[in-house]
Amino acid sequence: MCSQCASKARCARDLNHARQATPAKYCPNEQTLRALADDVQRCAPQNLPVPATRN
């Protein structure tokens, strides 16, 4: 996947600068990465309980 990508430098710059990147314009793996992100969101617990604090 990304190890042989020609856009690694651009992607790294976008991530380092917290830009709202548009990977569809340059990322050949965009569909795969979006699908994985959707799976993570779908599987993540919606409301985690807040642990009680001791005083």
Protein backbone atom coordinates (compact mmCIF):
# COMPACT_ATOMS: atom_id res chain seq x y z
CA MET A 1 0.00 0.00 0.00
CA CYS A 2 1.65 3.18 1.20
CA SER A 3 5.21 1.85 1.30
CA GLN A 4 5.48 2.11 -2.49
CA CYS A 5 3.33 5.22 -2.87
CA ALA A 6 4.70 8.10 -4.92
CA SER A 7 2.80 10.64 -2.78
CA LYS A 8 4.29 9.82 0.63
CA ALA A 9 5.97 13.21 0.99
CA ARG A 10 2.78 15.12 0.19
CA CYS A 11 0.75 12.96 2.53
CA ALA A 12 3.28 13.40 5.35
CA ARG A 13 3.26 17.18 4.88
CA ASP A 14 -0.54 17.22 5.01
CA LEU A 15 -0.59 15.11 8.18
CA ASN A 16 2.20 17.10 9.87
CA HIS A 17 0.42 20.37 9.24
CA ALA A 18 -3.00 19.00 10.21
CA ARG A 19 -4.37 20.17 6.90
CA GLN A 20 -7.76 19.14 5.66
CA ALA A 21 -6.17 17.05 2.96
CA THR A 22 -8.03 15.93 -0.09
CA PRO A 23 -6.49 12.49 -0.57
CA ALA A 24 -8.84 11.66 -3.44
CA LYS A 25 -6.77 14.05 -5.54
CA TYR A 26 -3.51 12.19 -5.05
CA CYS A 27 -3.92 9.01 -2.99
CA PRO A 28 -4.37 5.75 -4.91
CA ASN A 29 -5.40 4.07 -1.62
CA GLU A 30 -8.04 6.65 -0.70
CA GLN A 31 -10.98 4.26 -1.04
CA THR A 32 -9.29 1.59 1.09
CA LEU A 33 -8.27 4.06 3.78
CA ARG A 34 -11.75 5.61 3.87
CA ALA A 35 -13.34 2.15 4.20
CA LEU A 36 -10.99 1.29 7.08
CA ALA A 37 -11.77 4.58 8.81
CA ASP A 38 -15.51 3.91 8.40
CA ASP A 39 -15.05 0.46 9.96
CA VAL A 40 -13.21 1.96 12.93
CA GLN A 41 -15.98 4.52 13.45
CA ARG A 42 -18.66 1.86 13.17
CA CYS A 43 -16.94 -0.48 15.65
CA ALA A 44 -15.92 2.16 18.19
CA PRO A 45 -18.00 2.35 21.37
CA GLN A 46 -20.30 5.34 21.17
CA ASN A 47 -20.33 6.36 24.82
CA LEU A 48 -17.48 5.20 26.99
CA PRO A 49 -18.18 5.39 30.72
CA VAL A 50 -16.20 8.02 32.56
CA PRO A 51 -14.14 6.45 35.35
CA ALA A 52 -14.96 7.67 38.85
CA THR A 53 -12.33 9.84 40.47
CA ARG A 54 -11.25 9.49 44.05
CA ASN A 55 -10.79 12.57 46.22
